Amino acid sequence: MRAMGRPVWFDGQLVPLEAANLSVMGHAAHRGSLVFDFGAFHATPRGGATFRMREHLARFRRSAAFLGLVIEQDERTLAEATRQTVAASGLAEGYVRWSALVTSIEPDLVPRDSRAHVAIFAYTPRDLLPAGALPAPKREVLRIAVFDDARKAPPEVFPPLAKVAGAYAGPLIAKRRALAAGADEVVLLDIDGNIAEAPTANVFAVVGGALVTPPLGRILDGITRDSVLTIARAEGLEVHERTLSLAELAAADEAFLTASSFPIAPIASINGAPLRRAVPGEVTSHLREILLDAERGGEARFARWTEG
């Protein structure tokens, strides 16, 4: 793998990736005591910058607190570690992943020592593939599958604001079904049967000229989601954070997913039925253009988002 040539920041120092090893009996592997966050970095007029790094780090530490893991480094230390890791990667742009995990081989569900090891890694998708393999081509628009029995765990079962590795087992099964059905992505429903989110992305629809997205409470507070809402309001669009039914999404003028890895991906069809208008739509294209510019420090209104 090409990733072996890039260093990882692990508990305070940059080390070769292969040196940051875990036991196969580690608590994180067997009990799921691992939280993470995921962001993107880009070249900007002021140099390389991780987009909205402060928000990612705050969410990272919050996820650890939800699970009871103790991250000993403060946000300032983690921010500097992120800058060091990105610079050491030699990449102009790519992704950064923060992980906090319990590596001891304790068998109990709740570890006696909840201090987390912290790893930070900067990479591109190609880095994680075997030598000679090519990444799957990214589709310009997405075909979405929605299954009535593929549900987002309710907050009574699992806190939606935490990015915990174990929470992705159910979405993994749902996305496998979607891929087998010929779709590119799955959108999960909430416990009441309304639209929740994709496994790693938030959902937006344009309904009657207004931008609509499910409210917080049962979904992850996506940082790209927040960026899109902020941009939309700054552009004078009507914005609603409210319940969104599957029927309303399917009948929307436009729809798209947001995530750090996209950052905006237009939806072309839902369960095989195309959306009403050409894809990508006018609102989707406009928001995407501004967001891509903001990620690279080109939008003075949102300059704070590329400040470390």
C-alpha atoms as a PDB file:
ATOM      1  CA  MET A   1       0.000   0.000   0.000  1.00  0.00           C
ATOM      2  CA  ARG A   2       1.181   3.506  -0.804  1.00  0.00           C
ATOM      3  CA  ALA A   3       0.105   4.584   2.699  1.00  0.00           C
ATOM      4  CA  MET A   4       3.173   2.872   4.129  1.00  0.00           C
ATOM      5  CA  GLY A   5       5.249   5.751   2.796  1.00  0.00           C
ATOM      6  CA  ARG A   6       3.386   8.349   4.858  1.00  0.00           C
ATOM      7  CA  PRO A   7       3.893   8.966   8.595  1.00  0.00           C
ATOM      8  CA  VAL A   8       1.195   8.866  11.245  1.00  0.00           C
ATOM      9  CA  TRP A   9       1.134  11.048  14.354  1.00  0.00           C
ATOM     10  CA  PHE A  10       0.763   8.594  17.218  1.00  0.00           C
ATOM     11  CA  ASP A  11       0.682   9.689  20.860  1.00  0.00           C
ATOM     12  CA  GLY A  12       2.862  12.713  20.346  1.00  0.00           C
ATOM     13  CA  GLN A  13       5.273  11.835  17.571  1.00  0.00           C
ATOM     14  CA  LEU A  14       5.365  11.101  13.864  1.00  0.00           C
ATOM     15  CA  VAL A  15       6.162   7.441  13.224  1.00  0.00           C
ATOM     16  CA  PRO A  16       5.972   5.127  10.196  1.00  0.00           C
ATOM     17  CA  LEU A  17       2.444   3.829   9.711  1.00  0.00           C
ATOM     18  CA  GLU A  18       3.542   0.237  10.245  1.00  0.00           C
ATOM     19  CA  ALA A  19       4.918   1.184  13.688  1.00  0.00           C
ATOM     20  CA  ALA A  20       1.474   2.264  14.957  1.00  0.00           C
ATOM     21  CA  ASN A  21       0.228  -1.272  15.493  1.00  0.00           C
ATOM     22  CA  LEU A  22      -2.574  -2.737  17.587  1.00  0.00           C
ATOM     23  CA  SER A  23      -2.985  -6.175  19.092  1.00  0.00           C
ATOM     24  CA  VAL A  24      -5.582  -8.398  17.421  1.00  0.00           C
ATOM     25  CA  MET A  25      -6.887  -8.855  20.972  1.00  0.00           C
ATOM     26  CA  GLY A  26      -7.129  -5.103  21.581  1.00  0.00           C
ATOM     27  CA  HIS A  27     -10.225  -3.680  23.251  1.00  0.00           C
ATOM     28  CA  ALA A  28     -10.938  -1.387  20.289  1.00  0.00           C
ATOM     29  CA  ALA A  29     -11.118  -4.364  17.933  1.00  0.00           C
ATOM     30  CA  HIS A  30     -13.244  -6.574  20.171  1.00  0.00           C
ATOM     31  CA  ARG A  31     -15.422  -4.087  22.033  1.00  0.00           C
ATOM     32  CA  GLY A  32     -15.532  -1.120  19.666  1.00  0.00           C
ATOM     33  CA  SER A  33     -13.795   1.398  21.939  1.00  0.00           C
ATOM     34  CA  LEU A  34     -12.725   3.599  19.031  1.00  0.00           C
ATOM     35  CA  VAL A  35     -13.948   7.030  17.989  1.00  0.00           C
ATOM     36  CA  PHE A  36     -12.808   8.965  14.971  1.00  0.00           C
ATOM     37  CA  ASP A  37     -13.331  12.041  12.853  1.00  0.00           C
ATOM     38  CA  PHE A  38     -12.638  12.708   9.206  1.00  0.00           C
ATOM     39  CA  GLY A  39     -11.838  15.905   7.311  1.00  0.00           C
ATOM     40  CA  ALA A  40     -10.256  17.227   4.145  1.00  0.00           C
ATOM     41  CA  PHE A  41      -7.271  19.486   3.569  1.00  0.00           C
ATOM     42  CA  HIS A  42      -6.526  21.681   0.571  1.00  0.00           C
ATOM     43  CA  ALA A  43      -4.003  24.166  -0.765  1.00  0.00           C
ATOM     44  CA  THR A  44      -5.105  27.732  -0.002  1.00  0.00           C
ATOM     45  CA  PRO A  45      -3.524  31.161  -0.651  1.00  0.00           C
ATOM     46  CA  ARG A  46      -2.134  30.971   2.904  1.00  0.00           C
ATOM     47  CA  GLY A  47      -0.787  27.440   2.490  1.00  0.00           C
ATOM     48  CA  GLY A  48      -2.233  24.009   3.231  1.00  0.00           C
ATOM     49  CA  ALA A  49      -5.236  24.012   5.545  1.00  0.00           C
ATOM     50  CA  THR A  50      -7.628  21.431   6.969  1.00  0.00           C
ATOM     51  CA  PHE A  51     -11.147  22.668   6.330  1.00  0.00           C
ATOM     52  CA  ARG A  52     -12.908  23.613   9.573  1.00  0.00           C
ATOM     53  CA  MET A  53     -10.288  21.820  11.640  1.00  0.00           C
ATOM     54  CA  ARG A  54     -11.410  23.350  14.924  1.00  0.00           C
ATOM     55  CA  GLU A  55     -14.942  22.014  14.461  1.00  0.00           C
ATOM     56  CA  HIS A  56     -13.619  18.553  13.577  1.00  0.00           C
ATOM     57  CA  LEU A  57     -11.412  18.447  16.650  1.00  0.00           C
ATOM     58  CA  ALA A  58     -14.210  19.615  18.928  1.00  0.00           C
ATOM     59  CA  ARG A  59     -16.464  16.870  17.573  1.00  0.00           C
ATOM     60  CA  PHE A  60     -13.649  14.324  17.887  1.00  0.00           C
ATOM     61  CA  ARG A  61     -13.187  15.080  21.572  1.00  0.00           C
ATOM     62  CA  ARG A  62     -16.942  15.116  22.122  1.00  0.00           C
ATOM     63  CA  SER A  63     -17.272  11.655  20.542  1.00  0.00           C
ATOM     64  CA  ALA A  64     -14.604  10.363  22.927  1.00  0.00           C
ATOM     65  CA  ALA A  65     -16.464  11.845  25.895  1.00  0.00           C
ATOM     66  CA  PHE A  66     -19.693  10.131  24.808  1.00  0.00           C
ATOM     67  CA  LEU A  67     -17.896   6.773  24.892  1.00  0.00           C
ATOM     68  CA  GLY A  68     -16.039   7.536  28.110  1.00  0.00           C
ATOM     69  CA  LEU A  69     -12.607   7.631  26.476  1.00  0.00           C
ATOM     70  CA  VAL A  70     -10.020  10.032  27.850  1.00  0.00           C
ATOM     71  CA  ILE A  71      -8.029  12.051  25.291  1.00  0.00           C
ATOM     72  CA  GLU A  72      -5.173  13.631  27.190  1.00  0.00           C
ATOM     73  CA  GLN A  73      -4.198  16.102  24.435  1.00  0.00           C
ATOM     74  CA  ASP A  74      -6.080  19.390  24.287  1.00  0.00           C
ATOM     75  CA  GLU A  75      -7.420  20.849  21.040  1.00  0.00           C
ATOM     76  CA  ARG A  76      -4.427  23.155  20.558  1.00  0.00           C
ATOM     77  CA  THR A  77      -2.045  20.184  20.750  1.00  0.00           C
ATOM     78  CA  LEU A  78      -4.182  18.163  18.348  1.00  0.00           C
ATOM     79  CA  ALA A  79      -4.397  21.093  15.939  1.00  0.00           C
ATOM     80  CA  GLU A  80      -0.614  21.446  15.825  1.00  0.00           C
ATOM     81  CA  ALA A  81      -0.274  17.676  15.440  1.00  0.00           C
ATOM     82  CA  THR A  82      -2.682  17.805  12.508  1.00  0.00           C
ATOM     83  CA  ARG A  83      -0.661  20.536  10.803  1.00  0.00           C
ATOM     84  CA  GLN A  84       2.541  18.520  11.306  1.00  0.00           C
ATOM     85  CA  THR A  85       0.947  15.367   9.926  1.00  0.00           C
ATOM     86  CA  VAL A  86      -0.463  17.084   6.842  1.00  0.00           C
ATOM     87  CA  ALA A  87       2.872  18.780   6.134  1.00  0.00           C
ATOM     88  CA  ALA A  88       4.786  15.501   6.584  1.00  0.00           C
ATOM     89  CA  SER A  89       2.460  13.705   4.160  1.00  0.00           C
ATOM     90  CA  GLY A  90       3.850  15.684   1.229  1.00  0.00           C
ATOM     91  CA  LEU A  91       0.331  16.053  -0.174  1.00  0.00           C
ATOM     92  CA  ALA A  92      -1.204  19.276  -1.458  1.00  0.00           C
ATOM     93  CA  GLU A  93      -4.678  17.979  -0.706  1.00  0.00           C
ATOM     94  CA  GLY A  94      -6.257  14.884   0.727  1.00  0.00           C
ATOM     95  CA  TYR A  95      -7.999  13.612   3.812  1.00  0.00           C
ATOM     96  CA  VAL A  96      -7.104  13.556   7.482  1.00  0.00           C
ATOM     97  CA  ARG A  97      -8.429  11.021   9.971  1.00  0.00           C
ATOM     98  CA  TRP A  98      -8.274  11.392  13.726  1.00  0.00           C
ATOM     99  CA  SER A  99      -8.670   8.228  15.819  1.00  0.00           C
ATOM    100  CA  ALA A 100      -8.817   7.648  19.568  1.00  0.00           C
ATOM    101  CA  LEU A 101      -8.862   4.060  20.782  1.00  0.00           C
ATOM    102  CA  VAL A 102      -8.246   1.737  23.695  1.00  0.00           C
ATOM    103  CA  THR A 103      -5.516  -0.749  22.780  1.00  0.00           C
ATOM    104  CA  SER A 104      -5.285  -2.824  25.967  1.00  0.00           C
ATOM    105  CA  ILE A 105      -6.367  -6.460  25.795  1.00  0.00           C
ATOM    106  CA  GLU A 106      -8.821  -6.247  28.680  1.00  0.00           C
ATOM    107  CA  PRO A 107     -11.765  -8.608  28.135  1.00  0.00           C
ATOM    108  CA  ASP A 108     -14.397  -6.618  30.046  1.00  0.00           C
ATOM    109  CA  LEU A 109     -16.908  -4.478  28.180  1.00  0.00           C
ATOM    110  CA  VAL A 110     -15.878  -1.380  30.140  1.00  0.00           C
ATOM    111  CA  PRO A 111     -12.079  -1.093  30.264  1.00  0.00           C
ATOM    112  CA  ARG A 112     -10.525  -0.282  33.619  1.00  0.00           C
ATOM    113  CA  ASP A 113      -8.155   2.131  31.910  1.00  0.00           C
ATOM    114  CA  SER A 114     -10.070   4.390  29.499  1.00  0.00           C
ATOM    115  CA  ARG A 115      -7.094   6.484  28.400  1.00  0.00           C
ATOM    116  CA  ALA A 116      -7.102   6.570  24.614  1.00  0.00           C
ATOM    117  CA  HIS A 117      -4.206   6.376  22.228  1.00  0.00           C
ATOM    118  CA  VAL A 118      -4.529   9.027  19.524  1.00  0.00           C
ATOM    119  CA  ALA A 119      -3.534   8.639  15.884  1.00  0.00           C
ATOM    120  CA  ILE A 120      -3.679  11.235  13.103  1.00  0.00           C
ATOM    121  CA  PHE A 121      -3.125  10.263   9.490  1.00  0.00           C
ATOM    122  CA  ALA A 122      -3.155  12.295   6.253  1.00  0.00           C
ATOM    123  CA  TYR A 123      -3.662  10.425   2.990  1.00  0.00           C
ATOM    124  CA  THR A 124      -5.466  10.087  -0.318  1.00  0.00           C
ATOM    125  CA  PRO A 125      -7.869   7.233  -1.192  1.00  0.00           C
ATOM    126  CA  ARG A 126      -5.250   5.837  -3.562  1.00  0.00           C
ATOM    127  CA  ASP A 127      -2.868   5.452  -0.606  1.00  0.00           C
ATOM    128  CA  LEU A 128      -5.058   2.797   0.963  1.00  0.00           C
ATOM    129  CA  LEU A 129      -5.232   0.510  -2.081  1.00  0.00           C
ATOM    130  CA  PRO A 130      -2.888  -2.387  -2.899  1.00  0.00           C
ATOM    131  CA  ALA A 131      -0.026  -1.507  -5.235  1.00  0.00           C
ATOM    132  CA  GLY A 132      -1.255  -1.250  -8.817  1.00  0.00           C
ATOM    133  CA  ALA A 133      -4.935  -0.993  -7.887  1.00  0.00           C
ATOM    134  CA  LEU A 134      -6.965   1.995  -9.014  1.00  0.00           C
ATOM    135  CA  PRO A 135      -9.652   3.679  -6.916  1.00  0.00           C
ATOM    136  CA  ALA A 136     -13.233   3.200  -8.035  1.00  0.00           C
ATOM    137  CA  PRO A 137     -14.286   6.090 -10.278  1.00  0.00           C
ATOM    138  CA  LYS A 138     -16.409   8.675  -8.525  1.00  0.00           C
ATOM    139  CA  ARG A 139     -19.863   9.058 -10.010  1.00  0.00           C
ATOM    140  CA  GLU A 140     -20.885  12.610 -10.870  1.00  0.00           C
ATOM    141  CA  VAL A 141     -24.405  11.873  -9.623  1.00  0.00           C
ATOM    142  CA  LEU A 142     -25.694   9.254  -7.196  1.00  0.00           C
ATOM    143  CA  ARG A 143     -28.311   6.544  -7.461  1.00  0.00           C
ATOM    144  CA  ILE A 144     -29.857   6.181  -4.008  1.00  0.00           C
ATOM    145  CA  ALA A 145     -31.571   3.195  -2.437  1.00  0.00           C
ATOM    146  CA  VAL A 146     -33.921   3.482   0.552  1.00  0.00           C
ATOM    147  CA  PHE A 147     -35.171   0.392   2.383  1.00  0.00           C
ATOM    148  CA  ASP A 148     -38.059   0.503   4.822  1.00  0.00           C
ATOM    149  CA  ASP A 149     -36.186  -1.692   7.294  1.00  0.00           C
ATOM    150  CA  ALA A 150     -32.818   0.100   7.050  1.00  0.00           C
ATOM    151  CA  ARG A 151     -33.044   2.479  10.008  1.00  0.00           C
ATOM    152  CA  LYS A 152     -30.736   4.850  11.826  1.00  0.00           C
ATOM    153  CA  ALA A 153     -30.352   3.811  15.463  1.00  0.00           C
ATOM    154  CA  PRO A 154     -32.485   6.161  17.583  1.00  0.00           C
ATOM    155  CA  PRO A 155     -30.830   8.400  20.174  1.00  0.00           C
ATOM    156  CA  GLU A 156     -32.257   6.196  22.925  1.00  0.00           C
ATOM    157  CA  VAL A 157     -30.008   3.421  21.586  1.00  0.00           C
ATOM    158  CA  PHE A 158     -26.970   5.357  20.435  1.00  0.00           C
ATOM    159  CA  PRO A 159     -26.054   9.075  20.560  1.00  0.00           C
ATOM    160  CA  PRO A 160     -26.245  10.365  16.969  1.00  0.00           C
ATOM    161  CA  LEU A 161     -23.655  13.078  17.626  1.00  0.00           C
ATOM    162  CA  ALA A 162     -20.855  10.577  18.283  1.00  0.00           C
ATOM    163  CA  LYS A 163     -18.654   9.120  15.562  1.00  0.00           C
ATOM    164  CA  VAL A 164     -17.995   5.703  17.086  1.00  0.00           C
ATOM    165  CA  ALA A 165     -16.707   2.835  14.964  1.00  0.00           C
ATOM    166  CA  GLY A 166     -19.252   0.329  16.268  1.00  0.00           C
ATOM    167  CA  ALA A 167     -22.169   2.504  15.165  1.00  0.00           C
ATOM    168  CA  TYR A 168     -21.373   1.812  11.508  1.00  0.00           C
ATOM    169  CA  ALA A 169     -22.131  -1.922  11.549  1.00  0.00           C
ATOM    170  CA  GLY A 170     -25.821  -1.462  10.755  1.00  0.00           C
ATOM    171  CA  PRO A 171     -25.200   1.126   8.009  1.00  0.00           C
ATOM    172  CA  LEU A 172     -22.551  -1.204   6.537  1.00  0.00           C
ATOM    173  CA  ILE A 173     -25.173  -3.920   6.116  1.00  0.00           C
ATOM    174  CA  ALA A 174     -27.620  -1.451   4.570  1.00  0.00           C
ATOM    175  CA  LYS A 175     -25.087  -0.097   2.101  1.00  0.00           C
ATOM    176  CA  ARG A 176     -24.067  -3.606   1.081  1.00  0.00           C
ATOM    177  CA  ARG A 177     -27.714  -4.222   0.184  1.00  0.00           C
ATOM    178  CA  ALA A 178     -27.839  -0.967  -1.778  1.00  0.00           C
ATOM    179  CA  LEU A 179     -24.726  -1.822  -3.779  1.00  0.00           C
ATOM    180  CA  ALA A 180     -26.113  -5.293  -4.526  1.00  0.00           C
ATOM    181  CA  ALA A 181     -29.279  -3.614  -5.816  1.00  0.00           C
ATOM    182  CA  GLY A 182     -27.268  -1.474  -8.249  1.00  0.00           C
ATOM    183  CA  ALA A 183     -27.339   1.763  -6.243  1.00  0.00           C
ATOM    184  CA  ASP A 184     -24.356   3.896  -5.269  1.00  0.00           C
ATOM    185  CA  GLU A 185     -25.483   4.796  -1.753  1.00  0.00           C
ATOM    186  CA  VAL A 186     -28.180   4.073   0.808  1.00  0.00           C
ATOM    187  CA  VAL A 187     -30.208   6.595   2.786  1.00  0.00           C
ATOM    188  CA  LEU A 188     -31.364   5.414   6.198  1.00  0.00           C
ATOM    189  CA  LEU A 189     -34.744   6.198   7.730  1.00  0.00           C
ATOM    190  CA  ASP A 190     -35.258   7.244  11.325  1.00  0.00           C
ATOM    191  CA  ILE A 191     -37.310   5.276  13.822  1.00  0.00           C
ATOM    192  CA  ASP A 192     -40.524   6.957  12.570  1.00  0.00           C
ATOM    193  CA  GLY A 193     -39.825   6.154   8.923  1.00  0.00           C
ATOM    194  CA  ASN A 194     -38.686   9.639   7.882  1.00  0.00           C
ATOM    195  CA  ILE A 195     -35.407  10.476   6.166  1.00  0.00           C
ATOM    196  CA  ALA A 196     -32.403  10.399   8.505  1.00  0.00           C
ATOM    197  CA  GLU A 197     -29.022  10.311   6.735  1.00  0.00           C
ATOM    198  CA  ALA A 198     -26.697   8.241   4.591  1.00  0.00           C
ATOM    199  CA  PRO A 199     -24.118   6.145   6.472  1.00  0.00           C
ATOM    200  CA  THR A 200     -21.454   8.847   6.140  1.00  0.00           C
ATOM    201  CA  ALA A 201     -23.365  11.809   4.715  1.00  0.00           C
ATOM    202  CA  ASN A 202     -26.254  14.171   5.394  1.00  0.00           C
ATOM    203  CA  VAL A 203     -29.274  14.574   3.118  1.00  0.00           C
ATOM    204  CA  PHE A 204     -30.652  17.753   1.538  1.00  0.00           C
ATOM    205  CA  ALA A 205     -33.625  18.384  -0.749  1.00  0.00           C
ATOM    206  CA  VAL A 206     -34.851  21.419  -2.668  1.00  0.00           C
ATOM    207  CA  VAL A 207     -38.615  21.589  -2.174  1.00  0.00           C
ATOM    208  CA  GLY A 208     -40.553  24.463  -3.718  1.00  0.00           C
ATOM    209  CA  GLY A 209     -37.387  26.543  -3.964  1.00  0.00           C
ATOM    210  CA  ALA A 210     -36.481  26.044  -0.289  1.00  0.00           C
ATOM    211  CA  LEU A 211     -33.587  24.006   1.035  1.00  0.00           C
ATOM    212  CA  VAL A 212     -34.739  21.283   3.437  1.00  0.00           C
ATOM    213  CA  THR A 213     -32.695  18.919   5.617  1.00  0.00           C
ATOM    214  CA  PRO A 214     -33.612  16.718   8.611  1.00  0.00           C
ATOM    215  CA  PRO A 215     -33.130  18.434  11.977  1.00  0.00           C
ATOM    216  CA  LEU A 216     -30.518  17.524  14.542  1.00  0.00           C
ATOM    217  CA  GLY A 217     -31.532  15.129  17.241  1.00  0.00           C
ATOM    218  CA  ARG A 218     -31.532  11.898  15.255  1.00  0.00           C
ATOM    219  CA  ILE A 219     -28.652  12.553  12.857  1.00  0.00           C
ATOM    220  CA  LEU A 220     -24.968  13.457  12.968  1.00  0.00           C
ATOM    221  CA  ASP A 221     -24.218  17.164  13.061  1.00  0.00           C
ATOM    222  CA  GLY A 222     -22.204  17.008   9.855  1.00  0.00           C
ATOM    223  CA  ILE A 223     -19.653  19.785   9.477  1.00  0.00           C
ATOM    224  CA  THR A 224     -20.215  19.955   5.726  1.00  0.00           C
ATOM    225  CA  ARG A 225     -23.959  20.030   6.493  1.00  0.00           C
ATOM    226  CA  ASP A 226     -23.392  23.071   8.694  1.00  0.00           C
ATOM    227  CA  SER A 227     -21.242  24.688   6.002  1.00  0.00           C
ATOM    228  CA  VAL A 228     -23.986  24.243   3.392  1.00  0.00           C
ATOM    229  CA  LEU A 229     -26.631  25.670   5.719  1.00  0.00           C
ATOM    230  CA  THR A 230     -24.419  28.669   6.493  1.00  0.00           C
ATOM    231  CA  ILE A 231     -23.724  29.311   2.797  1.00  0.00           C
ATOM    232  CA  ALA A 232     -27.378  28.903   1.840  1.00  0.00           C
ATOM    233  CA  ARG A 233     -28.506  31.426   4.429  1.00  0.00           C
ATOM    234  CA  ALA A 234     -25.762  33.849   3.398  1.00  0.00           C
ATOM    235  CA  GLU A 235     -26.997  33.543  -0.191  1.00  0.00           C
ATOM    236  CA  GLY A 236     -30.530  34.405   0.837  1.00  0.00           C
ATOM    237  CA  LEU A 237     -32.035  30.956   0.284  1.00  0.00           C
ATOM    238  CA  GLU A 238     -35.015  29.842   2.321  1.00  0.00           C
ATOM    239  CA  VAL A 239     -33.768  27.101   4.652  1.00  0.00           C
ATOM    240  CA  HIS A 240     -35.712  24.627   6.782  1.00  0.00           C
ATOM    241  CA  GLU A 241     -34.335  22.076   9.232  1.00  0.00           C
ATOM    242  CA  ARG A 242     -37.389  19.868   9.606  1.00  0.00           C
ATOM    243  CA  THR A 243     -38.777  16.377   9.164  1.00  0.00           C
ATOM    244  CA  LEU A 244     -38.393  15.143   5.585  1.00  0.00           C
ATOM    245  CA  SER A 245     -40.462  12.181   4.400  1.00  0.00           C
ATOM    246  CA  LEU A 246     -39.330   9.682   1.787  1.00  0.00           C
ATOM    247  CA  ALA A 247     -42.213  10.726  -0.460  1.00  0.00           C
ATOM    248  CA  GLU A 248     -41.155  14.365  -0.202  1.00  0.00           C
ATOM    249  CA  LEU A 249     -37.532  13.517  -0.976  1.00  0.00           C
ATOM    250  CA  ALA A 250     -38.562  11.425  -3.986  1.00  0.00           C
ATOM    251  CA  ALA A 251     -40.707  14.295  -5.306  1.00  0.00           C
ATOM    252  CA  ALA A 252     -38.086  17.011  -4.654  1.00  0.00           C
ATOM    253  CA  ASP A 253     -36.866  19.282  -7.420  1.00  0.00           C
ATOM    254  CA  GLU A 254     -33.259  18.585  -6.414  1.00  0.00           C
ATOM    255  CA  ALA A 255     -31.514  16.514  -3.774  1.00  0.00           C
ATOM    256  CA  PHE A 256     -27.943  15.911  -2.709  1.00  0.00           C
ATOM    257  CA  LEU A 257     -25.709  14.410  -0.035  1.00  0.00           C
ATOM    258  CA  THR A 258     -23.003  16.277   1.859  1.00  0.00           C
ATOM    259  CA  ALA A 259     -19.808  14.921   3.423  1.00  0.00           C
ATOM    260  CA  SER A 260     -16.154  15.891   3.812  1.00  0.00           C
ATOM    261  CA  SER A 261     -15.266  13.469   1.018  1.00  0.00           C
ATOM    262  CA  PHE A 262     -17.728  14.829  -1.605  1.00  0.00           C
ATOM    263  CA  PRO A 263     -18.409  17.600  -0.455  1.00  0.00           C
ATOM    264  CA  ILE A 264     -21.765  17.856  -2.336  1.00  0.00           C
ATOM    265  CA  ALA A 265     -22.967  14.909  -4.421  1.00  0.00           C
ATOM    266  CA  PRO A 266     -26.169  15.359  -6.458  1.00  0.00           C
ATOM    267  CA  ILE A 267     -28.799  12.621  -6.307  1.00  0.00           C
ATOM    268  CA  ALA A 268     -30.052  11.429  -9.703  1.00  0.00           C
ATOM    269  CA  SER A 269     -32.559   8.784  -8.645  1.00  0.00           C
ATOM    270  CA  ILE A 270     -34.186   7.191  -5.604  1.00  0.00           C
ATOM    271  CA  ASN A 271     -35.075   3.507  -5.758  1.00  0.00           C
ATOM    272  CA  GLY A 272     -34.685   3.688  -9.523  1.00  0.00           C
ATOM    273  CA  ALA A 273     -37.013   6.663 -10.053  1.00  0.00           C
ATOM    274  CA  PRO A 274     -35.270   9.788 -11.415  1.00  0.00           C
ATOM    275  CA  LEU A 275     -35.748  13.161  -9.764  1.00  0.00           C
ATOM    276  CA  ARG A 276     -37.976  15.677 -11.489  1.00  0.00           C
ATOM    277  CA  ARG A 277     -35.318  18.013 -12.819  1.00  0.00           C
ATOM    278  CA  ALA A 278     -31.968  17.725 -14.544  1.00  0.00           C
ATOM    279  CA  VAL A 279     -29.090  16.776 -12.291  1.00  0.00           C
ATOM    280  CA  PRO A 280     -27.258  18.605 -10.877  1.00  0.00           C
ATOM    281  CA  GLY A 281     -29.863  21.294 -10.327  1.00  0.00           C
ATOM    282  CA  GLU A 282     -29.340  25.026 -10.148  1.00  0.00           C
ATOM    283  CA  VAL A 283     -29.371  25.268  -6.342  1.00  0.00           C
ATOM    284  CA  THR A 284     -27.111  22.232  -5.924  1.00  0.00           C
ATOM    285  CA  SER A 285     -24.584  23.565  -8.444  1.00  0.00           C
ATOM    286  CA  HIS A 286     -24.574  27.040  -6.897  1.00  0.00           C
ATOM    287  CA  LEU A 287     -23.991  25.799  -3.353  1.00  0.00           C
ATOM    288  CA  ARG A 288     -21.335  23.347  -4.509  1.00  0.00           C
ATOM    289  CA  GLU A 289     -19.390  26.044  -6.364  1.00  0.00           C
ATOM    290  CA  ILE A 290     -19.290  28.310  -3.300  1.00  0.00           C
ATOM    291  CA  LEU A 291     -18.386  25.473  -0.935  1.00  0.00           C
ATOM    292  CA  LEU A 292     -15.507  24.269  -3.124  1.00  0.00           C
ATOM    293  CA  ASP A 293     -14.200  27.829  -3.276  1.00  0.00           C
ATOM    294  CA  ALA A 294     -14.524  28.220   0.507  1.00  0.00           C
ATOM    295  CA  GLU A 295     -12.577  24.998   1.088  1.00  0.00           C
ATOM    296  CA  ARG A 296      -9.649  26.506  -0.784  1.00  0.00           C
ATOM    297  CA  GLY A 297      -9.738  29.854   0.994  1.00  0.00           C
ATOM    298  CA  GLY A 298     -11.310  31.744  -1.889  1.00  0.00           C
ATOM    299  CA  GLU A 299     -14.406  33.004  -0.057  1.00  0.00           C
ATOM    300  CA  ALA A 300     -13.664  35.981   2.196  1.00  0.00           C
ATOM    301  CA  ARG A 301     -17.015  35.527   3.959  1.00  0.00           C
ATOM    302  CA  PHE A 302     -15.892  32.144   5.216  1.00  0.00           C
ATOM    303  CA  ALA A 303     -12.157  32.717   5.667  1.00  0.00           C
ATOM    304  CA  ARG A 304     -12.369  31.487   9.269  1.00  0.00           C
ATOM    305  CA  TRP A 305     -13.084  27.978   7.967  1.00  0.00           C
ATOM    306  CA  THR A 306      -9.540  27.584   6.646  1.00  0.00           C
ATOM    307  CA  GLU A 307      -7.816  29.071   9.669  1.00  0.00           C
ATOM    308  CA  GLY A 308      -6.085  26.540  11.905  1.00  0.00           C
END
